[in-house]
Amino acid sequence: MTAVLAPDPSLPPSASQATGQATSQATSQANSQAVGQSTILAATAPDEPISLSALCRRDGIEFIMATFTTMTGRPCSKLVPVRAAEDLAAGRMGFAGFAAGGMGQEPDDGDLVVVPDLSSYTPLHFIKRGLAMVHCDPYLDGRPHPFSPRQILRAQTARAAALGLSLKVGAEIEYFLVEKGADWHIQVADQTDTALQPCYDARGLIRQFDHLTDVSRAMESLGWQPYASDHEDANGQFEQNFAYDDAMVTADRVITARYIIRMLAEKRAMTATFMPKPFIDRTGNGLHMHMSLWDPTGQPVFPGELSGDSPFGLSAVALSFIAGLLDHAPGLMAVLNPTVNSYKRTAALSTASGATWTPRYASYGGDDRSVMVRVPDNRRIEIRVGDGSACSYLAMAACLGAGLDGVERSARPGPAGAGHHEGRPALARTLMDAVTAFESDAAVRAVFDSVDPAAGVAGYYGALKRSEFYTWHDAISVWEIERYLTA
């Protein structure tokens, strides 16, 4: 079979469609892509143009989930029959952005037209026979929609490319398997999962064998190269991992993986939740991201020489990238931890297992899971502060933008270690604190405004998150009733 490049989703619909007709010219380039990158393997002759409908015919697909993701990280889809696949590919499918929410639109705004990125095409036979998903890029009036998280990430990867750099990301997806009652009461799905320190518990792991292996087999069938499923630090909590890849590929896969995990859990009458802190006394759900920069020849940029100035064997570029993350840590919090519930996780004092595994300060260190930026080896860093409610596109875009700002300034991160955070503020304790920091961070705001600086995307995002905080604040909690009713 021949690997073929998909049409360029950064182009308007008409240009993207034209690009799709010229795929045979790109075959040699596609064949040179590294193993593990997202490619489309077409069972067609080399000169035959690839198309969405051809992919579907090849795989026995009857319906396509045309999917875009909002700024809140929510995937939104239309179910498109294969006979209309080319209408989708040609940019003839519209969405009311205001109805989807978190897309910067009002009811009187025009439809968002979505253009599928064929490199994200994903058969989902293990969920419904004949079903596939494809991630799409929204356009408005023929231009990339500036409020689209996917377009924002693309703008940041283009910024990196202009510096001769590309970003690869590996994501750790943590989640709980729970049962949800009619009154929204939740409990761990496996009621025998009661170990005091359940992390890596062999019995708790194998009791969820059927679900975990279904997810792993699904990832394997898609070429994601899954390499581990484990019981996490809380009762009922699990993590499943797959190989790292280009930032956009991994961001797409995080959204797809969450969907797969949720749907397969539902088949067993369970709810998979990525909510940051569903249980007050247990460890929360993180979205840890392993990041590395690469040069145009495919060589990693982070490795350097061991020295007093670089105790972890990191290059000057790597240290500057870390410095950018630390300098902008307060502004990043509203992106990496974007919900009211997020701060029940990051501000937790303790958990039943004895550790929260969340940093309180902007710090970095070696193989140390208490810092914000961990350096497991000299080829990558791990950003440990993000949680399961983060939009993968925005999280990666914001971290890339902050890191590149450090690179462009040749910044230095200072001494390593969880105790070395002098001169750096504590990380936000509430969503409101995080929004305030976001609104005052010019570099992080610039990431959000990178598709169209005049569109006001950063201001919109800050207002969206501020409104979420006030909506929560307006609700009366059980805690308030118990504390104040007879005070």
Protein backbone atom coordinates (compact mmCIF):
# COMPACT_ATOMS: atom_id res chain seq x y z
CA MET A 1 0.00 0.00 0.00
CA THR A 2 1.09 3.56 -0.65
CA ALA A 3 1.20 6.31 1.97
CA VAL A 4 -0.48 9.44 0.65
CA LEU A 5 -0.67 12.93 2.09
CA ALA A 6 -4.09 14.34 2.92
CA PRO A 7 -5.34 17.66 1.53
CA ASP A 8 -3.94 20.66 3.44
CA PRO A 9 -6.60 21.70 5.99
CA SER A 10 -4.98 25.13 6.42
CA LEU A 11 -6.34 26.09 3.02
CA PRO A 12 -9.86 27.34 2.29
CA PRO A 13 -12.27 24.64 1.09
CA SER A 14 -11.75 25.21 -2.62
CA ALA A 15 -7.96 25.20 -2.34
CA SER A 16 -8.00 22.18 -0.04
CA GLN A 17 -10.10 20.27 -2.54
CA ALA A 18 -7.69 21.18 -5.31
CA THR A 19 -4.76 20.02 -3.19
CA GLY A 20 -6.46 16.66 -2.79
CA GLN A 21 -6.34 16.19 -6.57
CA ALA A 22 -2.57 16.48 -6.53
CA THR A 23 -1.74 13.88 -3.94
CA SER A 24 0.24 11.71 -6.32
CA GLN A 25 2.87 14.49 -6.46
CA ALA A 26 3.29 14.23 -2.68
CA THR A 27 3.62 10.47 -2.45
CA SER A 28 7.40 10.42 -2.09
CA GLN A 29 7.24 13.00 0.72
CA ALA A 30 4.59 11.01 2.54
CA ASN A 31 6.63 7.85 2.25
CA SER A 32 9.48 9.57 4.08
CA GLN A 33 7.38 10.35 7.14
CA ALA A 34 8.60 8.71 10.35
CA VAL A 35 6.91 5.61 11.72
CA GLY A 36 4.19 6.61 14.16
CA GLN A 37 3.18 9.80 12.38
CA SER A 38 -0.37 10.06 11.16
CA THR A 39 -0.49 8.95 7.54
CA ILE A 40 -3.24 7.58 5.36
CA LEU A 41 -2.52 4.21 3.82
CA ALA A 42 -4.51 4.00 0.65
CA ALA A 43 -5.22 0.68 -1.04
CA THR A 44 -5.32 2.44 -4.38
CA ALA A 45 -3.00 2.85 -7.32
CA PRO A 46 -0.26 5.50 -6.76
CA ASP A 47 -1.78 7.85 -9.35
CA GLU A 48 -5.31 7.59 -8.02
CA PRO A 49 -6.26 10.65 -5.96
CA ILE A 50 -7.24 9.89 -2.40
CA SER A 51 -10.48 11.26 -1.00
CA LEU A 52 -12.59 10.92 2.11
CA SER A 53 -15.15 8.82 0.27
CA ALA A 54 -12.40 6.51 -1.06
CA LEU A 55 -11.07 5.99 2.44
CA CYS A 56 -14.55 5.15 3.66
CA ARG A 57 -15.16 2.68 0.83
CA ARG A 58 -11.84 1.02 1.58
CA ASP A 59 -12.72 0.55 5.26
CA GLY A 60 -16.40 -0.29 4.94
CA ILE A 61 -17.47 3.00 6.55
CA GLU A 62 -21.09 4.09 6.19
CA PHE A 63 -21.15 7.16 8.44
CA ILE A 64 -18.56 9.80 9.31
CA MET A 65 -18.49 11.90 12.47
CA ALA A 66 -17.38 15.30 11.14
CA THR A 67 -15.92 16.70 14.35
CA PHE A 68 -14.57 20.02 15.57
CA THR A 69 -13.58 20.92 19.13
CA THR A 70 -14.69 24.01 21.03
CA MET A 71 -12.57 26.20 23.30
CA THR A 72 -13.96 24.26 26.26
CA GLY A 73 -12.54 21.03 24.81
CA ARG A 74 -15.93 19.62 23.82
CA PRO A 75 -16.04 17.64 20.54
CA CYS A 76 -19.03 18.55 18.36
CA SER A 77 -20.07 16.42 15.40
CA LYS A 78 -22.47 15.87 12.56
CA LEU A 79 -23.10 12.32 11.40
CA VAL A 80 -22.51 12.38 7.66
CA PRO A 81 -23.46 9.45 5.39
CA VAL A 82 -20.71 8.41 3.03
CA ARG A 83 -22.71 9.49 -0.01
CA ALA A 84 -22.26 13.10 1.28
CA ALA A 85 -18.56 12.70 2.09
CA GLU A 86 -17.41 14.82 -0.82
CA ASP A 87 -19.83 17.59 0.16
CA LEU A 88 -18.12 17.55 3.55
CA ALA A 89 -14.68 17.56 1.95
CA ALA A 90 -15.68 20.46 -0.29
CA GLY A 91 -16.70 22.61 2.65
CA ARG A 92 -20.47 22.39 2.29
CA MET A 93 -21.26 21.39 5.91
CA GLY A 94 -22.20 24.25 8.22
CA PHE A 95 -22.50 24.48 12.01
CA ALA A 96 -24.13 27.16 14.15
CA GLY A 97 -21.15 28.09 16.31
CA PHE A 98 -23.24 29.83 18.97
CA ALA A 99 -25.28 26.67 19.51
CA ALA A 100 -22.10 24.63 19.98
CA GLY A 101 -20.82 27.12 22.54
CA GLY A 102 -17.28 28.28 23.17
CA MET A 103 -16.65 29.27 19.56
CA GLY A 104 -16.83 33.07 19.73
CA GLN A 105 -20.16 33.38 17.93
CA GLU A 106 -23.53 35.02 18.51
CA PRO A 107 -26.91 33.78 17.19
CA ASP A 108 -26.81 36.20 14.24
CA ASP A 109 -23.36 35.10 13.04
CA GLY A 110 -22.90 33.03 9.91
CA ASP A 111 -22.34 29.29 9.88
CA LEU A 112 -18.96 27.79 10.57
CA VAL A 113 -17.99 25.68 7.57
CA VAL A 114 -15.77 22.73 8.47
CA VAL A 115 -13.08 21.19 6.31
CA PRO A 116 -11.91 17.68 7.25
CA ASP A 117 -8.23 16.95 7.82
CA LEU A 118 -7.85 13.54 6.19
CA SER A 119 -4.73 12.78 8.25
CA SER A 120 -7.05 12.52 11.28
CA TYR A 121 -9.45 10.06 9.66
CA THR A 122 -10.15 7.32 12.22
CA PRO A 123 -12.32 4.21 11.71
CA LEU A 124 -14.33 3.40 14.85
CA HIS A 125 -15.72 -0.06 14.07
CA PHE A 126 -15.17 -1.09 17.70
CA ILE A 127 -17.78 1.49 18.76
CA LYS A 128 -20.27 1.11 15.90
CA ARG A 129 -19.73 -0.99 12.82
CA GLY A 130 -19.35 1.32 9.81
CA LEU A 131 -18.49 4.46 11.86
CA ALA A 132 -15.48 6.78 11.42
CA MET A 133 -14.38 10.12 12.84
CA VAL A 134 -12.49 12.91 11.12
CA HIS A 135 -11.31 16.09 12.81
CA CYS A 136 -12.21 19.25 10.96
CA ASP A 137 -11.02 22.84 10.77
CA PRO A 138 -13.73 25.51 11.02
CA TYR A 139 -13.77 28.39 8.54
CA LEU A 140 -15.83 31.56 8.53
CA ASP A 141 -16.29 33.53 5.32
CA GLY A 142 -13.53 31.47 3.69
CA ARG A 143 -10.93 32.20 6.37
CA PRO A 144 -9.68 30.06 9.28
CA HIS A 145 -11.96 30.71 12.24
CA PRO A 146 -9.74 32.43 14.84
CA PHE A 147 -11.66 30.89 17.79
CA SER A 148 -10.92 27.34 16.66
CA PRO A 149 -8.51 25.59 19.07
CA ARG A 150 -7.17 23.49 16.22
CA GLN A 151 -6.40 26.61 14.16
CA ILE A 152 -4.68 28.19 17.18
CA LEU A 153 -2.42 25.17 17.60
CA ARG A 154 -1.64 25.23 13.89
CA ALA A 155 -0.60 28.89 14.16
CA GLN A 156 1.81 28.07 16.99
CA THR A 157 3.36 25.10 15.18
CA ALA A 158 3.89 27.43 12.21
CA ARG A 159 5.62 29.89 14.56
CA ALA A 160 7.90 27.08 15.74
CA ALA A 161 8.59 26.04 12.13
CA ALA A 162 9.74 29.58 11.34
CA LEU A 163 12.39 29.08 14.04
CA GLY A 164 13.40 25.73 12.54
CA LEU A 165 11.63 23.75 15.26
CA SER A 166 8.78 21.24 15.50
CA LEU A 167 6.99 20.02 18.60
CA LYS A 168 6.26 16.41 19.47
CA VAL A 169 3.98 15.53 22.38
CA GLY A 170 3.08 12.45 24.37
CA ALA A 171 -0.03 12.63 26.56
CA GLU A 172 -0.94 10.72 29.72
CA ILE A 173 -4.73 10.40 29.93
CA GLU A 174 -6.08 9.77 33.43
CA TYR A 175 -9.71 8.98 34.19
CA PHE A 176 -12.08 7.41 36.71
CA LEU A 177 -14.56 4.64 36.00
CA VAL A 178 -17.69 5.41 38.01
CA GLU A 179 -21.39 4.67 38.28
CA LYS A 180 -23.68 7.67 38.25
CA GLY A 181 -26.99 7.73 40.12
CA ALA A 182 -30.12 9.65 39.18
CA ASP A 183 -29.31 12.31 41.79
CA TRP A 184 -25.77 12.79 40.36
CA HIS A 185 -24.27 10.81 43.21
CA ILE A 186 -21.25 8.93 41.90
CA GLN A 187 -19.35 5.94 43.18
CA VAL A 188 -16.42 3.93 41.86
CA ALA A 189 -17.70 1.33 39.39
CA ASP A 190 -15.64 -1.43 41.01
CA GLN A 191 -16.88 -1.43 44.60
CA THR A 192 -14.16 -3.87 45.61
CA ASP A 193 -11.46 -1.33 44.63
CA THR A 194 -10.76 -0.22 48.20
CA ALA A 195 -6.98 -0.52 48.61
CA LEU A 196 -5.40 2.21 50.73
CA GLN A 197 -2.66 2.69 48.13
CA PRO A 198 -4.23 1.49 44.88
CA CYS A 199 -1.62 2.75 42.42
CA TYR A 200 -0.43 -0.15 40.21
CA ASP A 201 -2.68 -2.52 42.19
CA ALA A 202 -2.68 -5.78 40.22
CA ARG A 203 -6.11 -6.92 41.42
CA GLY A 204 -7.85 -3.62 40.73
CA LEU A 205 -6.19 -3.50 37.32
CA ILE A 206 -7.32 -6.94 36.19
CA ARG A 207 -10.87 -6.51 37.50
CA GLN A 208 -11.19 -3.88 34.73
CA PHE A 209 -9.32 -6.08 32.25
CA ASP A 210 -12.12 -6.20 29.66
CA HIS A 211 -12.54 -2.43 29.47
CA LEU A 212 -8.82 -1.63 29.51
CA THR A 213 -7.93 -4.20 26.88
CA ASP A 214 -10.81 -3.09 24.64
CA VAL A 215 -9.37 0.43 24.72
CA SER A 216 -5.83 -0.82 24.15
CA ARG A 217 -6.91 -3.02 21.20
CA ALA A 218 -8.76 -0.06 19.71
CA MET A 219 -5.63 2.09 19.93
CA GLU A 220 -3.54 -0.72 18.45
CA SER A 221 -5.92 -1.10 15.52
CA LEU A 222 -5.52 2.61 14.79
CA GLY A 223 -1.73 2.48 14.77
CA TRP A 224 -1.31 4.58 17.91
CA GLN A 225 1.19 2.14 19.45
CA PRO A 226 -0.29 1.86 22.96
CA TYR A 227 2.32 0.78 25.48
CA ALA A 228 0.71 0.69 28.94
CA SER A 229 -2.52 0.67 30.92
CA ASP A 230 -2.25 1.06 34.68
CA HIS A 231 -4.26 1.54 37.83
CA GLU A 232 -3.63 5.08 38.96
CA ASP A 233 -3.22 6.58 42.43
CA ALA A 234 -6.92 6.70 43.37
CA ASN A 235 -9.49 3.95 43.72
CA GLY A 236 -11.29 3.55 40.41
CA GLN A 237 -8.70 5.61 38.50
CA PHE A 238 -6.77 4.47 35.42
CA GLU A 239 -4.31 5.73 32.84
CA GLN A 240 -3.72 4.56 29.27
CA ASN A 241 -0.76 5.61 27.17
CA PHE A 242 0.14 5.64 23.49
CA ALA A 243 3.21 6.73 21.53
CA TYR A 244 4.15 10.39 21.14
CA ASP A 245 3.80 12.13 17.79
CA ASP A 246 3.58 15.57 16.20
CA ALA A 247 1.63 18.01 18.36
CA MET A 248 -1.44 18.15 16.11
CA VAL A 249 -1.58 14.38 15.79
CA THR A 250 -1.44 13.91 19.56
CA ALA A 251 -3.95 16.70 20.21
CA ASP A 252 -6.40 15.00 17.83
CA ARG A 253 -5.78 11.65 19.47
CA VAL A 254 -6.45 12.98 22.97
CA ILE A 255 -9.90 14.14 21.83
CA THR A 256 -10.52 10.85 20.02
CA ALA A 257 -9.20 8.74 22.91
CA ARG A 258 -11.49 10.45 25.40
CA TYR A 259 -14.43 9.67 23.11
CA ILE A 260 -13.35 6.04 22.68
CA ILE A 261 -12.82 5.52 26.42
CA ARG A 262 -16.19 7.05 27.28
CA MET A 263 -18.12 5.06 24.69
CA LEU A 264 -16.49 1.74 25.55
CA ALA A 265 -17.13 2.39 29.25
CA GLU A 266 -20.81 3.04 28.51
CA LYS A 267 -21.05 -0.40 26.89
CA ARG A 268 -20.33 -1.82 30.35
CA ALA A 269 -22.75 0.54 32.15
CA MET A 270 -19.90 2.68 33.48
CA THR A 271 -19.12 6.37 33.11
CA ALA A 272 -15.55 7.33 32.28
CA THR A 273 -14.85 10.80 33.64
CA PHE A 274 -11.85 13.04 33.01
CA MET A 275 -13.18 15.58 35.53
CA PRO A 276 -10.17 16.97 37.42
CA LYS A 277 -11.44 16.18 40.94
CA PRO A 278 -14.58 14.03 41.14
CA PHE A 279 -13.75 12.84 44.69
CA ILE A 280 -12.53 15.32 47.27
CA ASP A 281 -10.40 12.78 49.16
CA ARG A 282 -8.70 11.18 46.16
CA THR A 283 -6.06 12.10 43.64
CA GLY A 284 -7.41 14.03 40.65
CA ASN A 285 -7.21 13.43 36.91
CA GLY A 286 -4.21 14.96 35.17
CA LEU A 287 -3.29 15.50 31.55
CA HIS A 288 0.49 15.27 31.74
CA MET A 289 2.22 16.27 28.52
CA HIS A 290 5.71 15.11 27.50
CA MET A 291 7.18 17.63 25.06
CA SER A 292 10.26 17.67 22.87
CA LEU A 293 11.53 19.97 20.13
CA TRP A 294 13.07 18.68 16.90
CA ASP A 295 15.05 20.29 14.10
CA PRO A 296 14.27 20.06 10.35
CA THR A 297 16.56 17.04 9.95
CA GLY A 298 14.56 15.05 12.49
CA GLN A 299 17.08 15.37 15.32
CA PRO A 300 16.03 16.18 18.90
CA VAL A 301 16.99 19.67 20.07
CA PHE A 302 16.79 19.21 23.84
CA PRO A 303 19.88 17.00 24.46
CA GLY A 304 23.01 18.87 25.54
CA GLU A 305 26.09 18.29 27.67
CA LEU A 306 26.12 17.71 31.43
CA SER A 307 27.55 20.74 33.19
CA GLY A 308 27.10 22.93 36.21
CA ASP A 309 24.78 25.15 34.19
CA SER A 310 22.86 22.13 32.87
CA PRO A 311 22.70 19.39 35.50
CA PHE A 312 20.26 17.33 33.44
CA GLY A 313 22.27 17.41 30.21
CA LEU A 314 19.88 19.84 28.50
CA SER A 315 20.74 22.19 25.66
CA ALA A 316 20.47 25.98 25.91
CA VAL A 317 17.28 25.79 23.84
CA ALA A 318 15.74 23.29 26.25
CA LEU A 319 16.60 25.42 29.28
CA SER A 320 15.15 28.50 27.61
CA PHE A 321 11.99 26.58 26.73
CA ILE A 322 11.61 25.54 30.37
CA ALA A 323 12.23 29.11 31.49
CA GLY A 324 9.44 30.33 29.23
CA LEU A 325 7.04 27.80 30.78
CA LEU A 326 7.99 28.86 34.31
CA ASP A 327 7.85 32.58 33.53
CA HIS A 328 4.33 32.21 32.11
CA ALA A 329 3.09 29.54 34.53
CA PRO A 330 0.49 31.80 36.20
CA GLY A 331 -0.98 32.76 32.81
CA LEU A 332 -0.96 29.16 31.62
CA MET A 333 -3.08 27.93 34.52
CA ALA A 334 -6.37 29.13 33.01
CA VAL A 335 -5.60 27.03 29.93
CA LEU A 336 -4.12 23.90 31.54
CA ASN A 337 -6.64 23.96 34.41
CA PRO A 338 -9.66 25.64 32.81
CA THR A 339 -12.57 24.79 35.14
CA VAL A 340 -13.78 25.65 38.63
CA ASN A 341 -13.25 22.01 39.59
CA SER A 342 -9.61 22.13 38.42
CA TYR A 343 -8.57 24.01 41.53
CA LYS A 344 -9.98 21.38 43.88
CA ARG A 345 -7.15 19.26 42.41
CA THR A 346 -4.27 21.75 42.28
CA ALA A 347 -5.04 23.29 45.69
CA ALA A 348 -5.61 19.98 47.48
CA LEU A 349 -3.60 19.64 50.69
CA SER A 350 -3.67 15.84 50.84
CA THR A 351 -5.40 12.74 49.51
CA ALA A 352 -6.17 9.28 50.84
CA SER A 353 -3.04 7.90 49.15
CA GLY A 354 -0.82 10.50 50.84
CA ALA A 355 0.14 12.64 47.81
CA THR A 356 -1.67 15.06 45.50
CA TRP A 357 0.92 14.80 42.66
CA THR A 358 0.20 18.41 41.68
CA PRO A 359 2.72 21.28 41.89
CA ARG A 360 2.01 24.44 43.87
CA TYR A 361 4.77 26.59 42.43
CA ALA A 362 6.38 27.18 39.06
CA SER A 363 9.37 24.89 39.50
CA TYR A 364 11.38 22.35 37.53
CA GLY A 365 13.59 19.42 38.39
CA GLY A 366 14.91 16.05 37.30
CA ASP A 367 13.04 12.80 37.87
CA ASP A 368 10.85 14.55 40.45
CA ARG A 369 7.05 14.26 40.25
CA SER A 370 6.44 17.14 42.66
CA VAL A 371 7.59 19.88 40.25
CA MET A 372 5.65 21.63 37.49
CA VAL A 373 8.19 20.75 34.78
CA ARG A 374 9.86 17.37 35.22
CA VAL A 375 12.93 16.32 33.23
CA PRO A 376 12.77 12.49 32.96
CA ASP A 377 15.74 12.50 30.55
CA ASN A 378 17.51 14.99 28.31
CA ARG A 379 15.29 14.39 25.28
CA ARG A 380 11.98 15.59 26.75
CA ILE A 381 10.24 17.44 29.53
CA GLU A 382 6.96 16.62 31.27
CA ILE A 383 4.47 19.37 32.12
CA ARG A 384 2.63 17.99 35.15
CA VAL A 385 0.19 20.72 36.09
CA GLY A 386 -2.51 20.20 33.40
CA ASP A 387 -5.72 18.29 34.10
CA GLY A 388 -8.33 16.20 32.36
CA SER A 389 -10.62 19.15 31.56
CA ALA A 390 -8.00 20.88 29.40
CA CYS A 391 -8.60 21.29 25.67
CA SER A 392 -5.63 19.43 24.19
CA TYR A 393 -5.17 21.88 21.31
CA LEU A 394 -5.16 24.96 23.53
CA ALA A 395 -3.00 23.31 26.19
CA MET A 396 -0.32 22.37 23.66
CA ALA A 397 -0.55 25.70 21.84
CA ALA A 398 -0.22 27.74 25.04
CA CYS A 399 2.72 25.69 26.33
CA LEU A 400 4.46 25.87 22.96
CA GLY A 401 3.91 29.63 22.79
CA ALA A 402 5.22 30.16 26.32
CA GLY A 403 8.24 27.95 25.69
CA LEU A 404 9.08 29.66 22.41
CA ASP A 405 8.89 33.02 24.16
CA GLY A 406 11.63 31.75 26.47
CA VAL A 407 13.67 30.54 23.50
CA GLU A 408 13.33 33.87 21.71
CA ARG A 409 14.50 35.71 24.87
CA SER A 410 17.29 33.18 25.65
CA ALA A 411 15.76 33.03 29.14
CA ARG A 412 17.19 30.85 31.91
CA PRO A 413 15.11 28.88 34.42
CA GLY A 414 17.26 29.36 37.52
CA PRO A 415 18.08 26.58 40.00
CA ALA A 416 16.21 23.30 39.81
CA GLY A 417 14.16 21.58 42.49
CA ALA A 418 10.73 21.89 44.06
CA GLY A 419 12.16 24.14 46.79
CA HIS A 420 13.69 26.58 44.30
CA HIS A 421 10.86 28.90 43.31
CA GLU A 422 12.09 32.17 44.79
CA GLY A 423 10.76 35.14 42.87
CA ARG A 424 7.99 33.10 41.29
CA PRO A 425 4.39 33.43 42.49
CA ALA A 426 2.42 30.48 43.80
CA LEU A 427 0.15 28.94 41.19
CA ALA A 428 -3.50 30.01 41.21
CA ARG A 429 -5.79 28.67 43.94
CA THR A 430 -9.02 29.40 42.02
CA LEU A 431 -10.19 29.77 38.44
CA MET A 432 -10.71 33.50 39.04
CA ASP A 433 -7.07 33.91 40.13
CA ALA A 434 -6.00 32.00 37.02
CA VAL A 435 -8.13 34.15 34.70
CA THR A 436 -6.67 37.32 36.21
CA ALA A 437 -3.15 36.01 35.56
CA PHE A 438 -4.10 34.95 32.02
CA GLU A 439 -5.50 38.39 31.22
CA SER A 440 -2.24 40.06 32.33
CA ASP A 441 0.11 37.73 30.42
CA ALA A 442 0.78 39.26 27.00
CA ALA A 443 2.63 36.22 25.65
CA VAL A 444 -0.09 33.70 26.51
CA ARG A 445 -2.80 36.06 25.24
CA ALA A 446 -0.85 36.40 21.99
CA VAL A 447 -1.13 32.63 21.48
CA PHE A 448 -4.92 32.89 21.55
CA ASP A 449 -4.87 35.89 19.20
CA SER A 450 -2.39 34.32 16.76
CA VAL A 451 -4.87 33.35 14.02
CA ASP A 452 -6.36 36.85 13.81
CA PRO A 453 -5.06 39.46 16.28
CA ALA A 454 -8.09 41.67 15.64
CA ALA A 455 -10.67 39.02 16.57
CA GLY A 456 -10.33 39.35 20.35
CA VAL A 457 -10.00 35.63 21.05
CA ALA A 458 -7.98 36.04 24.26
CA GLY A 459 -10.49 38.51 25.64
CA TYR A 460 -13.34 36.18 24.74
CA TYR A 461 -11.66 33.23 26.45
CA GLY A 462 -11.00 35.21 29.61
CA ALA A 463 -14.62 36.37 29.71
CA LEU A 464 -15.84 32.81 29.10
CA LYS A 465 -13.85 31.47 32.05
CA ARG A 466 -14.77 34.43 34.27
CA SER A 467 -18.45 33.77 33.52
CA GLU A 468 -17.97 30.11 34.44
CA PHE A 469 -16.54 31.13 37.81
CA TYR A 470 -19.44 33.49 38.55
CA THR A 471 -22.01 30.89 37.48
CA TRP A 472 -20.51 28.48 40.01
CA HIS A 473 -20.31 31.24 42.61
CA ASP A 474 -24.03 31.98 42.18
CA ALA A 475 -24.99 28.41 43.13
CA ILE A 476 -25.78 27.53 46.76
CA SER A 477 -23.74 24.55 47.94
CA VAL A 478 -24.40 22.01 50.68
CA TRP A 479 -21.32 23.39 52.44
CA GLU A 480 -22.98 26.82 52.69
CA ILE A 481 -26.23 25.37 54.02
CA GLU A 482 -24.43 23.34 56.68
CA ARG A 483 -22.22 26.26 57.69
CA TYR A 484 -24.61 29.21 57.60
CA LEU A 485 -28.19 27.97 57.91
CA THR A 486 -28.29 28.28 61.71
CA ALA A 487 -25.16 30.37 62.26
